[in-house]
PDB file of N, CA and C in Angstrom:
ATOM      1  N   MET A   1      91.673  81.411  68.684  1.00  0.00           N
ATOM      2  CA  MET A   1      90.596  82.259  69.139  1.00  0.00           C
ATOM      3  C   MET A   1      91.055  83.713  69.264  1.00  0.00           C
ATOM      4  N   THR A   2      92.332  83.902  69.603  1.00  0.00           N
ATOM      5  CA  THR A   2      92.859  85.255  69.750  1.00  0.00           C
ATOM      6  C   THR A   2      92.810  86.004  68.425  1.00  0.00           C
ATOM      7  N   VAL A   3      93.048  85.298  67.311  1.00  0.00           N
ATOM      8  CA  VAL A   3      93.023  85.938  66.000  1.00  0.00           C
ATOM      9  C   VAL A   3      91.614  86.423  65.679  1.00  0.00           C
ATOM     10  N   ILE A   4      90.605  85.631  66.014  1.00  0.00           N
ATOM     11  CA  ILE A   4      89.222  86.032  65.751  1.00  0.00           C
ATOM     12  C   ILE A   4      88.850  87.242  66.608  1.00  0.00           C
ATOM     13  N   LYS A   5      89.271  87.241  67.875  1.00  0.00           N
ATOM     14  CA  LYS A   5      89.020  88.399  68.739  1.00  0.00           C
ATOM     15  C   LYS A   5      89.698  89.638  68.182  1.00  0.00           C
ATOM     16  N   ARG A   6      90.892  89.470  67.676  1.00  0.00           N
ATOM     17  CA  ARG A   6      91.641  90.601  67.112  1.00  0.00           C
ATOM     18  C   ARG A   6      91.012  91.066  65.807  1.00  0.00           C
ATOM     19  N   LEU A   7      90.510  90.138  65.000  1.00  0.00           N
ATOM     20  CA  LEU A   7      89.882  90.481  63.728  1.00  0.00           C
ATOM     21  C   LEU A   7      88.649  91.356  63.936  1.00  0.00           C
ATOM     22  N   PHE A   8      87.837  91.003  64.926  1.00  0.00           N
ATOM     23  CA  PHE A   8      86.605  91.740  65.183  1.00  0.00           C
ATOM     24  C   PHE A   8      86.760  92.805  66.266  1.00  0.00           C
ATOM     25  N   GLY A   9      87.878  92.812  66.972  1.00  0.00           N
ATOM     26  CA  GLY A   9      88.090  93.796  68.028  1.00  0.00           C
ATOM     27  C   GLY A   9      87.303  93.491  69.288  1.00  0.00           C
ATOM     28  N   TRP A  10      87.087  92.234  69.565  1.00  0.00           N
ATOM     29  CA  TRP A  10      86.320  91.835  70.747  1.00  0.00           C
ATOM     30  C   TRP A  10      87.197  91.842  71.990  1.00  0.00           C
ATOM     31  N   GLY A  11      86.556  92.020  73.141  1.00  0.00           N
ATOM     32  CA  GLY A  11      87.275  91.963  74.418  1.00  0.00           C
ATOM     33  C   GLY A  11      88.273  93.099  74.520  1.00  0.00           C
ATOM     34  N   ASP A  12      89.435  92.772  75.013  1.00  0.00           N
ATOM     35  CA  ASP A  12      90.469  93.795  75.202  1.00  0.00           C
ATOM     36  C   ASP A  12      91.395  93.910  73.996  1.00  0.00           C
ATOM     37  N   LYS A  13      91.050  93.253  72.892  1.00  0.00           N
ATOM     38  CA  LYS A  13      91.907  93.247  71.698  1.00  0.00           C
ATOM     39  C   LYS A  13      91.600  94.440  70.792  1.00  0.00           C
ATOM     40  N   THR A  14      92.655  94.988  70.199  1.00  0.00           N
ATOM     41  CA  THR A  14      92.515  96.063  69.227  1.00  0.00           C
ATOM     42  C   THR A  14      92.243  95.442  67.861  1.00  0.00           C
ATOM     43  N   GLN A  15      91.246  95.989  67.161  1.00  0.00           N
ATOM     44  CA  GLN A  15      90.893  95.438  65.851  1.00  0.00           C
ATOM     45  C   GLN A  15      92.030  95.636  64.857  1.00  0.00           C
ATOM     46  N   ILE A  16      92.207  94.653  64.003  1.00  0.00           N
ATOM     47  CA  ILE A  16      93.226  94.705  62.956  1.00  0.00           C
ATOM     48  C   ILE A  16      92.888  95.857  62.020  1.00  0.00           C
ATOM     49  N   ALA A  17      93.923  96.595  61.608  1.00  0.00           N
ATOM     50  CA  ALA A  17      93.732  97.757  60.736  1.00  0.00           C
ATOM     51  C   ALA A  17      93.205  97.333  59.375  1.00  0.00           C
ATOM     52  N   GLY A  18      92.413  98.216  58.785  1.00  0.00           N
ATOM     53  CA  GLY A  18      91.882  97.951  57.451  1.00  0.00           C
ATOM     54  C   GLY A  18      90.429  97.541  57.495  1.00  0.00           C
ATOM     55  N   SER A  19      89.884  97.329  56.328  1.00  0.00           N
ATOM     56  CA  SER A  19      88.489  96.942  56.186  1.00  0.00           C
ATOM     57  C   SER A  19      88.263  95.526  56.723  1.00  0.00           C
ATOM     58  N   LEU A  20      87.189  95.341  57.472  1.00  0.00           N
ATOM     59  CA  LEU A  20      86.863  94.027  58.031  1.00  0.00           C
ATOM     60  C   LEU A  20      86.603  93.022  56.918  1.00  0.00           C
ATOM     61  N   THR A  21      85.871  93.436  55.885  1.00  0.00           N
ATOM     62  CA  THR A  21      85.562  92.545  54.766  1.00  0.00           C
ATOM     63  C   THR A  21      86.832  92.123  54.040  1.00  0.00           C
ATOM     64  N   THR A  22      87.719  93.075  53.786  1.00  0.00           N
ATOM     65  CA  THR A  22      88.975  92.761  53.098  1.00  0.00           C
ATOM     66  C   THR A  22      89.818  91.801  53.924  1.00  0.00           C
ATOM     67  N   ASN A  23      89.905  92.053  55.226  1.00  0.00           N
ATOM     68  CA  ASN A  23      90.691  91.177  56.099  1.00  0.00           C
ATOM     69  C   ASN A  23      90.129  89.760  56.135  1.00  0.00           C
ATOM     70  N   ILE A  24      88.805  89.639  56.181  1.00  0.00           N
ATOM     71  CA  ILE A  24      88.184  88.309  56.192  1.00  0.00           C
ATOM     72  C   ILE A  24      88.444  87.585  54.873  1.00  0.00           C
ATOM     73  N   LEU A  25      88.279  88.284  53.753  1.00  0.00           N
ATOM     74  CA  LEU A  25      88.497  87.662  52.440  1.00  0.00           C
ATOM     75  C   LEU A  25      89.956  87.233  52.259  1.00  0.00           C
ATOM     76  N   ILE A  26      90.886  88.072  52.657  1.00  0.00           N
ATOM     77  CA  ILE A  26      92.304  87.712  52.538  1.00  0.00           C
ATOM     78  C   ILE A  26      92.632  86.552  53.471  1.00  0.00           C
ATOM     79  N   GLY A  27      92.073  86.574  54.667  1.00  0.00           N
ATOM     80  CA  GLY A  27      92.300  85.470  55.605  1.00  0.00           C
ATOM     81  C   GLY A  27      91.775  84.144  55.075  1.00  0.00           C
ATOM     82  N   LEU A  28      90.572  84.146  54.525  1.00  0.00           N
ATOM     83  CA  LEU A  28      89.996  82.920  53.968  1.00  0.00           C
ATOM     84  C   LEU A  28      90.759  82.443  52.732  1.00  0.00           C
ATOM     85  N   ALA A  29      91.158  83.382  51.879  1.00  0.00           N
ATOM     86  CA  ALA A  29      91.930  83.008  50.680  1.00  0.00           C
ATOM     87  C   ALA A  29      93.289  82.433  51.071  1.00  0.00           C
ATOM     88  N   THR A  30      93.921  83.024  52.078  1.00  0.00           N
ATOM     89  CA  THR A  30      95.216  82.525  52.547  1.00  0.00           C
ATOM     90  C   THR A  30      95.073  81.135  53.149  1.00  0.00           C
ATOM     91  N   LEU A  31      94.051  80.948  53.950  1.00  0.00           N
ATOM     92  CA  LEU A  31      93.809  79.641  54.564  1.00  0.00           C
ATOM     93  C   LEU A  31      93.536  78.581  53.499  1.00  0.00           C
ATOM     94  N   ALA A  32      92.732  78.931  52.508  1.00  0.00           N
ATOM     95  CA  ALA A  32      92.443  77.988  51.432  1.00  0.00           C
ATOM     96  C   ALA A  32      93.713  77.660  50.642  1.00  0.00           C
ATOM     97  N   ALA A  33      94.532  78.673  50.371  1.00  0.00           N
ATOM     98  CA  ALA A  33      95.760  78.449  49.599  1.00  0.00           C
ATOM     99  C   ALA A  33      96.747  77.562  50.350  1.00  0.00           C
ATOM    100  N   ILE A  34      96.797  77.690  51.672  1.00  0.00           N
ATOM    101  CA  ILE A  34      97.702  76.854  52.478  1.00  0.00           C
ATOM    102  C   ILE A  34      97.370  75.378  52.279  1.00  0.00           C
ATOM    103  N   TYR A  35      96.075  75.054  52.273  1.00  0.00           N
ATOM    104  CA  TYR A  35      95.661  73.658  52.128  1.00  0.00           C
ATOM    105  C   TYR A  35      95.624  73.186  50.672  1.00  0.00           C
ATOM    106  N   LEU A  36      95.419  74.105  49.730  1.00  0.00           N
ATOM    107  CA  LEU A  36      95.314  73.706  48.329  1.00  0.00           C
ATOM    108  C   LEU A  36      96.656  73.634  47.610  1.00  0.00           C
ATOM    109  N   LEU A  37      97.663  74.351  48.081  1.00  0.00           N
ATOM    110  CA  LEU A  37      98.952  74.384  47.389  1.00  0.00           C
ATOM    111  C   LEU A  37      99.568  72.998  47.186  1.00  0.00           C
ATOM    112  N   PRO A  38      99.579  72.108  48.189  1.00  0.00           N
ATOM    113  CA  PRO A  38     100.145  70.768  47.945  1.00  0.00           C
ATOM    114  C   PRO A  38      99.413  70.009  46.834  1.00  0.00           C
ATOM    115  N   PHE A  39      98.084  70.131  46.766  1.00  0.00           N
ATOM    116  CA  PHE A  39      97.313  69.451  45.725  1.00  0.00           C
ATOM    117  C   PHE A  39      97.586  70.060  44.351  1.00  0.00           C
ATOM    118  N   VAL A  40      97.724  71.384  44.306  1.00  0.00           N
ATOM    119  CA  VAL A  40      98.013  72.057  43.038  1.00  0.00           C
ATOM    120  C   VAL A  40      99.398  71.652  42.536  1.00  0.00           C
ATOM    121  N   LEU A  41     100.370  71.616  43.424  1.00  0.00           N
ATOM    122  CA  LEU A  41     101.716  71.208  43.019  1.00  0.00           C
ATOM    123  C   LEU A  41     101.735  69.776  42.504  1.00  0.00           C
ATOM    124  N   LYS A  42     100.941  68.916  43.129  1.00  0.00           N
ATOM    125  CA  LYS A  42     100.860  67.523  42.677  1.00  0.00           C
ATOM    126  C   LYS A  42     100.187  67.451  41.311  1.00  0.00           C
ATOM    127  N   LYS A  43      99.123  68.220  41.126  1.00  0.00           N
ATOM    128  CA  LYS A  43      98.379  68.216  39.866  1.00  0.00           C
ATOM    129  C   LYS A  43      99.228  68.773  38.719  1.00  0.00           C
ATOM    130  N   VAL A  44     100.066  69.768  39.034  1.00  0.00           N
ATOM    131  CA  VAL A  44     100.935  70.371  38.012  1.00  0.00           C
ATOM    132  C   VAL A  44     102.039  69.413  37.611  1.00  0.00           C
ATOM    133  N   GLY A  45     102.373  68.479  38.490  1.00  0.00           N
ATOM    134  CA  GLY A  45     103.391  67.488  38.154  1.00  0.00           C
ATOM    135  C   GLY A  45     104.734  67.713  38.810  1.00  0.00           C
ATOM    136  N   VAL A  46     104.761  68.498  39.886  1.00  0.00           N
ATOM    137  CA  VAL A  46     106.019  68.694  40.618  1.00  0.00           C
ATOM    138  C   VAL A  46     106.352  67.378  41.314  1.00  0.00           C
ATOM    139  N   PRO A  47     107.560  66.848  41.099  1.00  0.00           N
ATOM    140  CA  PRO A  47     107.925  65.565  41.704  1.00  0.00           C
ATOM    141  C   PRO A  47     107.851  65.601  43.235  1.00  0.00           C
ATOM    142  N   ASP A  48     107.547  64.451  43.808  1.00  0.00           N
ATOM    143  CA  ASP A  48     107.390  64.348  45.265  1.00  0.00           C
ATOM    144  C   ASP A  48     108.667  64.744  45.996  1.00  0.00           C
ATOM    145  N   ARG A  49     109.824  64.409  45.429  1.00  0.00           N
ATOM    146  CA  ARG A  49     111.093  64.732  46.095  1.00  0.00           C
ATOM    147  C   ARG A  49     111.319  66.234  46.191  1.00  0.00           C
ATOM    148  N   ILE A  50     110.719  67.015  45.306  1.00  0.00           N
ATOM    149  CA  ILE A  50     110.802  68.476  45.365  1.00  0.00           C
ATOM    150  C   ILE A  50     109.641  69.042  46.167  1.00  0.00           C
ATOM    151  N   ARG A  51     108.453  68.462  45.977  1.00  0.00           N
ATOM    152  CA  ARG A  51     107.239  68.954  46.629  1.00  0.00           C
ATOM    153  C   ARG A  51     107.326  68.931  48.145  1.00  0.00           C
ATOM    154  N   LYS A  52     108.027  67.944  48.699  1.00  0.00           N
ATOM    155  CA  LYS A  52     108.089  67.839  50.157  1.00  0.00           C
ATOM    156  C   LYS A  52     108.961  68.928  50.789  1.00  0.00           C
ATOM    157  N   PHE A  53     109.747  69.652  49.973  1.00  0.00           N
ATOM    158  CA  PHE A  53     110.575  70.733  50.487  1.00  0.00           C
ATOM    159  C   PHE A  53     109.938  72.109  50.281  1.00  0.00           C
ATOM    160  N   ILE A  54     108.721  72.160  49.787  1.00  0.00           N
ATOM    161  CA  ILE A  54     108.027  73.427  49.576  1.00  0.00           C
ATOM    162  C   ILE A  54     106.982  73.593  50.688  1.00  0.00           C
ATOM    163  N   PRO A  55     107.256  74.447  51.664  1.00  0.00           N
ATOM    164  CA  PRO A  55     106.308  74.631  52.770  1.00  0.00           C
ATOM    165  C   PRO A  55     105.135  75.516  52.327  1.00  0.00           C
ATOM    166  N   SER A  56     103.958  74.944  52.247  1.00  0.00           N
ATOM    167  CA  SER A  56     102.805  75.673  51.721  1.00  0.00           C
ATOM    168  C   SER A  56     102.446  76.868  52.593  1.00  0.00           C
ATOM    169  N   MET A  57     102.607  76.766  53.903  1.00  0.00           N
ATOM    170  CA  MET A  57     102.253  77.879  54.766  1.00  0.00           C
ATOM    171  C   MET A  57     103.177  79.073  54.514  1.00  0.00           C
ATOM    172  N   PHE A  58     104.468  78.817  54.432  1.00  0.00           N
ATOM    173  CA  PHE A  58     105.430  79.900  54.197  1.00  0.00           C
ATOM    174  C   PHE A  58     105.220  80.531  52.827  1.00  0.00           C
ATOM    175  N   VAL A  59     105.065  79.706  51.795  1.00  0.00           N
ATOM    176  CA  VAL A  59     104.878  80.216  50.439  1.00  0.00           C
ATOM    177  C   VAL A  59     103.613  81.059  50.362  1.00  0.00           C
ATOM    178  N   THR A  60     102.539  80.603  50.979  1.00  0.00           N
ATOM    179  CA  THR A  60     101.273  81.320  50.930  1.00  0.00           C
ATOM    180  C   THR A  60     101.347  82.645  51.677  1.00  0.00           C
ATOM    181  N   ILE A  61     101.964  82.655  52.840  1.00  0.00           N
ATOM    182  CA  ILE A  61     102.065  83.898  53.608  1.00  0.00           C
ATOM    183  C   ILE A  61     102.944  84.913  52.874  1.00  0.00           C
ATOM    184  N   VAL A  62     104.048  84.448  52.304  1.00  0.00           N
ATOM    185  CA  VAL A  62     104.905  85.362  51.531  1.00  0.00           C
ATOM    186  C   VAL A  62     104.145  85.888  50.314  1.00  0.00           C
ATOM    187  N   LEU A  63     103.444  85.017  49.611  1.00  0.00           N
ATOM    188  CA  LEU A  63     102.678  85.421  48.436  1.00  0.00           C
ATOM    189  C   LEU A  63     101.584  86.424  48.810  1.00  0.00           C
ATOM    190  N   ALA A  64     100.853  86.171  49.887  1.00  0.00           N
ATOM    191  CA  ALA A  64      99.797  87.094  50.324  1.00  0.00           C
ATOM    192  C   ALA A  64     100.382  88.441  50.720  1.00  0.00           C
ATOM    193  N   THR A  65     101.531  88.421  51.387  1.00  0.00           N
ATOM    194  CA  THR A  65     102.178  89.678  51.782  1.00  0.00           C
ATOM    195  C   THR A  65     102.630  90.465  50.564  1.00  0.00           C
ATOM    196  N   VAL A  66     103.227  89.775  49.602  1.00  0.00           N
ATOM    197  CA  VAL A  66     103.692  90.446  48.377  1.00  0.00           C
ATOM    198  C   VAL A  66     102.512  91.033  47.612  1.00  0.00           C
ATOM    199  N   LEU A  67     101.445  90.264  47.460  1.00  0.00           N
ATOM    200  CA  LEU A  67     100.288  90.749  46.706  1.00  0.00           C
ATOM    201  C   LEU A  67      99.612  91.938  47.382  1.00  0.00           C
ATOM    202  N   THR A  68      99.447  91.878  48.701  1.00  0.00           N
ATOM    203  CA  THR A  68      98.813  93.006  49.398  1.00  0.00           C
ATOM    204  C   THR A  68      99.707  94.241  49.398  1.00  0.00           C
ATOM    205  N   THR A  69     101.012  94.033  49.328  1.00  0.00           N
ATOM    206  CA  THR A  69     101.930  95.170  49.254  1.00  0.00           C
ATOM    207  C   THR A  69     101.923  95.781  47.855  1.00  0.00           C
ATOM    208  N   ILE A  70     101.949  94.939  46.824  1.00  0.00           N
ATOM    209  CA  ILE A  70     101.948  95.437  45.441  1.00  0.00           C
ATOM    210  C   ILE A  70     100.658  96.198  45.144  1.00  0.00           C
ATOM    211  N   PHE A  71      99.532  95.636  45.558  1.00  0.00           N
ATOM    212  CA  PHE A  71      98.239  96.259  45.262  1.00  0.00           C
ATOM    213  C   PHE A  71      97.836  97.303  46.301  1.00  0.00           C
ATOM    214  N   LYS A  72      98.725  97.567  47.258  1.00  0.00           N
ATOM    215  CA  LYS A  72      98.491  98.583  48.295  1.00  0.00           C
ATOM    216  C   LYS A  72      97.130  98.395  48.966  1.00  0.00           C
ATOM    217  N   THR A  73      96.844  97.169  49.326  1.00  0.00           N
ATOM    218  CA  THR A  73      95.594  96.826  49.987  1.00  0.00           C
ATOM    219  C   THR A  73      95.592  97.395  51.397  1.00  0.00           C
ATOM    220  N   ASP A  74      94.460  97.908  51.822  1.00  0.00           N
ATOM    221  CA  ASP A  74      94.347  98.507  53.145  1.00  0.00           C
ATOM    222  C   ASP A  74      94.180  97.426  54.211  1.00  0.00           C
ATOM    223  N   VAL A  75      95.270  96.738  54.507  1.00  0.00           N
ATOM    224  CA  VAL A  75      95.275  95.718  55.554  1.00  0.00           C
ATOM    225  C   VAL A  75      96.521  95.921  56.413  1.00  0.00           C
ATOM    226  N   GLU A  76      96.487  95.372  57.594  1.00  0.00           N
ATOM    227  CA  GLU A  76      97.624  95.481  58.503  1.00  0.00           C
ATOM    228  C   GLU A  76      98.663  94.420  58.157  1.00  0.00           C
ATOM    229  N   HIS A  77      99.912  94.845  58.034  1.00  0.00           N
ATOM    230  CA  HIS A  77     101.009  93.914  57.785  1.00  0.00           C
ATOM    231  C   HIS A  77     101.740  93.642  59.085  1.00  0.00           C
ATOM    232  N   VAL A  78     102.473  92.555  59.109  1.00  0.00           N
ATOM    233  CA  VAL A  78     103.241  92.180  60.288  1.00  0.00           C
ATOM    234  C   VAL A  78     104.347  93.194  60.489  1.00  0.00           C
ATOM    235  N   SER A  79     104.516  93.635  61.718  1.00  0.00           N
ATOM    236  CA  SER A  79     105.580  94.573  62.047  1.00  0.00           C
ATOM    237  C   SER A  79     106.620  93.837  62.884  1.00  0.00           C
ATOM    238  N   LEU A  80     107.842  93.830  62.402  1.00  0.00           N
ATOM    239  CA  LEU A  80     108.903  93.110  63.096  1.00  0.00           C
ATOM    240  C   LEU A  80     109.764  94.020  63.962  1.00  0.00           C
ATOM    241  N   GLY A  81     109.348  95.256  64.160  1.00  0.00           N
ATOM    242  CA  GLY A  81     110.129  96.178  64.984  1.00  0.00           C
ATOM    243  C   GLY A  81     111.192  96.848  64.159  1.00  0.00           C
ATOM    244  N   ASN A  82     112.438  96.494  64.359  1.00  0.00           N
ATOM    245  CA  ASN A  82     113.531  97.098  63.605  1.00  0.00           C
ATOM    246  C   ASN A  82     113.510  96.597  62.173  1.00  0.00           C
ATOM    247  N   THR A  83     113.696  97.508  61.256  1.00  0.00           N
ATOM    248  CA  THR A  83     113.774  97.130  59.849  1.00  0.00           C
ATOM    249  C   THR A  83     115.176  97.420  59.333  1.00  0.00           C
ATOM    250  N   ILE A  84     115.529  96.757  58.276  1.00  0.00           N
ATOM    251  CA  ILE A  84     116.851  96.930  57.674  1.00  0.00           C
ATOM    252  C   ILE A  84     116.654  97.612  56.334  1.00  0.00           C
ATOM    253  N   GLY A  85     117.307  98.756  56.158  1.00  0.00           N
ATOM    254  CA  GLY A  85     117.110  99.554  54.959  1.00  0.00           C
ATOM    255  C   GLY A  85     117.884  99.085  53.752  1.00  0.00           C
ATOM    256  N   SER A  86     119.033  98.471  53.947  1.00  0.00           N
ATOM    257  CA  SER A  86     119.842  98.071  52.808  1.00  0.00           C
ATOM    258  C   SER A  86     120.670  96.843  53.162  1.00  0.00           C
ATOM    259  N   PHE A  87     121.265  96.259  52.141  1.00  0.00           N
ATOM    260  CA  PHE A  87     122.096  95.080  52.365  1.00  0.00           C
ATOM    261  C   PHE A  87     123.317  95.429  53.203  1.00  0.00           C
ATOM    262  N   SER A  88     123.906  96.594  52.978  1.00  0.00           N
ATOM    263  CA  SER A  88     125.089  96.970  53.752  1.00  0.00           C
ATOM    264  C   SER A  88     124.744  97.140  55.230  1.00  0.00           C
ATOM    265  N   GLU A  89     123.552  97.661  55.511  1.00  0.00           N
ATOM    266  CA  GLU A  89     123.119  97.786  56.899  1.00  0.00           C
ATOM    267  C   GLU A  89     122.916  96.401  57.521  1.00  0.00           C
ATOM    268  N   PHE A  90     122.315  95.469  56.750  1.00  0.00           N
ATOM    269  CA  PHE A  90     122.127  94.103  57.227  1.00  0.00           C
ATOM    270  C   PHE A  90     123.474  93.450  57.497  1.00  0.00           C
ATOM    271  N   PHE A  91     124.413  93.623  56.564  1.00  0.00           N
ATOM    272  CA  PHE A  91     125.735  93.018  56.719  1.00  0.00           C
ATOM    273  C   PHE A  91     126.442  93.570  57.945  1.00  0.00           C
ATOM    274  N   SER A  92     126.370  94.870  58.131  1.00  0.00           N
ATOM    275  CA  SER A  92     127.082  95.466  59.266  1.00  0.00           C
ATOM    276  C   SER A  92     126.437  95.093  60.591  1.00  0.00           C
ATOM    277  N   GLN A  93     125.139  94.856  60.610  1.00  0.00           N
ATOM    278  CA  GLN A  93     124.452  94.541  61.862  1.00  0.00           C
ATOM    279  C   GLN A  93     124.541  93.070  62.241  1.00  0.00           C
ATOM    280  N   THR A  94     124.577  92.182  61.280  1.00  0.00           N
ATOM    281  CA  THR A  94     124.499  90.761  61.615  1.00  0.00           C
ATOM    282  C   THR A  94     125.681  89.949  61.122  1.00  0.00           C
ATOM    283  N   ILE A  95     125.882  89.913  59.830  1.00  0.00           N
ATOM    284  CA  ILE A  95     126.881  89.030  59.244  1.00  0.00           C
ATOM    285  C   ILE A  95     128.297  89.385  59.694  1.00  0.00           C
ATOM    286  N   SER A  96     128.609  90.662  59.757  1.00  0.00           N
ATOM    287  CA  SER A  96     129.976  91.061  60.097  1.00  0.00           C
ATOM    288  C   SER A  96     130.365  90.655  61.512  1.00  0.00           C
ATOM    289  N   LEU A  97     129.395  90.400  62.360  1.00  0.00           N
ATOM    290  CA  LEU A  97     129.700  89.986  63.734  1.00  0.00           C
ATOM    291  C   LEU A  97     130.332  88.599  63.791  1.00  0.00           C
ATOM    292  N   TYR A  98     130.186  87.826  62.728  1.00  0.00           N
ATOM    293  CA  TYR A  98     130.731  86.468  62.692  1.00  0.00           C
ATOM    294  C   TYR A  98     132.160  86.413  62.149  1.00  0.00           C
ATOM    295  N   PHE A  99     132.676  87.537  61.688  1.00  0.00           N
ATOM    296  CA  PHE A  99     134.027  87.587  61.157  1.00  0.00           C
ATOM    297  C   PHE A  99     134.949  88.297  62.140  1.00  0.00           C
ATOM    298  N   PRO A 100     136.221  87.880  62.208  1.00  0.00           N
ATOM    299  CA  PRO A 100     137.142  88.526  63.139  1.00  0.00           C
ATOM    300  C   PRO A 100     137.392  89.979  62.761  1.00  0.00           C
ATOM    301  N   GLN A 101     137.412  90.846  63.767  1.00  0.00           N
ATOM    302  CA  GLN A 101     137.644  92.263  63.533  1.00  0.00           C
ATOM    303  C   GLN A 101     139.135  92.597  63.576  1.00  0.00           C
ATOM    304  N   ASP A 102     139.910  91.796  64.282  1.00  0.00           N
ATOM    305  CA  ASP A 102     141.347  92.012  64.413  1.00  0.00           C
ATOM    306  C   ASP A 102     142.050  91.293  63.265  1.00  0.00           C
ATOM    307  N   GLN A 103     142.873  92.010  62.518  1.00  0.00           N
ATOM    308  CA  GLN A 103     143.557  91.414  61.373  1.00  0.00           C
ATOM    309  C   GLN A 103     144.505  90.289  61.790  1.00  0.00           C
ATOM    310  N   GLY A 104     145.035  90.343  63.005  1.00  0.00           N
ATOM    311  CA  GLY A 104     145.945  89.301  63.474  1.00  0.00           C
ATOM    312  C   GLY A 104     145.261  87.961  63.653  1.00  0.00           C
ATOM    313  N   LEU A 105     143.959  87.988  63.856  1.00  0.00           N
ATOM    314  CA  LEU A 105     143.221  86.739  64.063  1.00  0.00           C
ATOM    315  C   LEU A 105     142.892  86.023  62.758  1.00  0.00           C
ATOM    316  N   SER A 106     142.978  86.706  61.659  1.00  0.00           N
ATOM    317  CA  SER A 106     142.577  86.088  60.402  1.00  0.00           C
ATOM    318  C   SER A 106     143.762  85.583  59.580  1.00  0.00           C
ATOM    319  N   THR A 107     144.905  85.442  60.187  1.00  0.00           N
ATOM    320  CA  THR A 107     146.051  84.909  59.451  1.00  0.00           C
ATOM    321  C   THR A 107     145.910  83.415  59.263  1.00  0.00           C
ATOM    322  N   PHE A 108     146.599  82.889  58.285  1.00  0.00           N
ATOM    323  CA  PHE A 108     146.510  81.468  57.960  1.00  0.00           C
ATOM    324  C   PHE A 108     146.948  80.598  59.135  1.00  0.00           C
ATOM    325  N   GLU A 109     148.006  81.006  59.837  1.00  0.00           N
ATOM    326  CA  GLU A 109     148.526  80.194  60.942  1.00  0.00           C
ATOM    327  C   GLU A 109     147.518  80.099  62.087  1.00  0.00           C
ATOM    328  N   VAL A 110     146.870  81.203  62.393  1.00  0.00           N
ATOM    329  CA  VAL A 110     145.898  81.200  63.495  1.00  0.00           C
ATOM    330  C   VAL A 110     144.690  80.355  63.123  1.00  0.00           C
ATOM    331  N   LEU A 111     144.220  80.485  61.880  1.00  0.00           N
ATOM    332  CA  LEU A 111     143.038  79.728  61.460  1.00  0.00           C
ATOM    333  C   LEU A 111     143.318  78.236  61.363  1.00  0.00           C
ATOM    334  N   ASN A 112     144.556  77.842  61.036  1.00  0.00           N
ATOM    335  CA  ASN A 112     144.907  76.432  60.883  1.00  0.00           C
ATOM    336  C   ASN A 112     145.460  75.803  62.157  1.00  0.00           C
ATOM    337  N   ARG A 113     145.642  76.559  63.195  1.00  0.00           N
ATOM    338  CA  ARG A 113     146.245  76.053  64.422  1.00  0.00           C
ATOM    339  C   ARG A 113     145.559  74.794  64.966  1.00  0.00           C
ATOM    340  N   PRO A 114     144.249  74.695  64.976  1.00  0.00           N
ATOM    341  CA  PRO A 114     143.628  73.473  65.512  1.00  0.00           C
ATOM    342  C   PRO A 114     143.959  72.223  64.704  1.00  0.00           C
ATOM    343  N   PHE A 115     144.381  72.376  63.448  1.00  0.00           N
ATOM    344  CA  PHE A 115     144.624  71.227  62.592  1.00  0.00           C
ATOM    345  C   PHE A 115     146.092  70.790  62.550  1.00  0.00           C
ATOM    346  N   HIS A 116     146.972  71.536  63.201  1.00  0.00           N
ATOM    347  CA  HIS A 116     148.381  71.175  63.196  1.00  0.00           C
ATOM    348  C   HIS A 116     148.611  69.934  64.046  1.00  0.00           C
ATOM    349  N   LEU A 117     149.383  69.040  63.529  1.00  0.00           N
ATOM    350  CA  LEU A 117     149.746  67.844  64.277  1.00  0.00           C
ATOM    351  C   LEU A 117     151.212  67.983  64.686  1.00  0.00           C
ATOM    352  N   HIS A 118     151.477  67.758  65.915  1.00  0.00           N
ATOM    353  CA  HIS A 118     152.843  67.876  66.407  1.00  0.00           C
ATOM    354  C   HIS A 118     153.385  66.483  66.696  1.00  0.00           C
ATOM    355  N   PHE A 119     154.450  66.147  66.013  1.00  0.00           N
ATOM    356  CA  PHE A 119     155.092  64.864  66.245  1.00  0.00           C
ATOM    357  C   PHE A 119     156.472  65.113  66.871  1.00  0.00           C
ATOM    358  N   ASN A 120     156.804  64.380  67.873  1.00  0.00           N
ATOM    359  CA  ASN A 120     158.127  64.511  68.521  1.00  0.00           C
ATOM    360  C   ASN A 120     159.000  63.368  68.125  1.00  0.00           C
TER     361      ASN A 120
END
């Protein structure tokens, strides 16, 4: 119900940016694609063992986002707050935190220490 209030700007909700007609059409097309994608994949002949790993909701939302971005449609896109400008920025912000920063910690002896067996 909150999405409908936001779509029309009812109550204390701010209306979604862009044309109301465009937003409704994209919303209905996305909803239809979410439910139709499994049937289309079955009709095309995608094996069941592969089809069960294709999430129709995720594929449809990504596809709708890509299409509205390519065609520069006047609709509101999801804002995730901080954005990452490049792969190096992503690597430095997230992935590099999982690697040791001290060179002494990345030696073979330190990394293998839990696996050493000591026999007396």
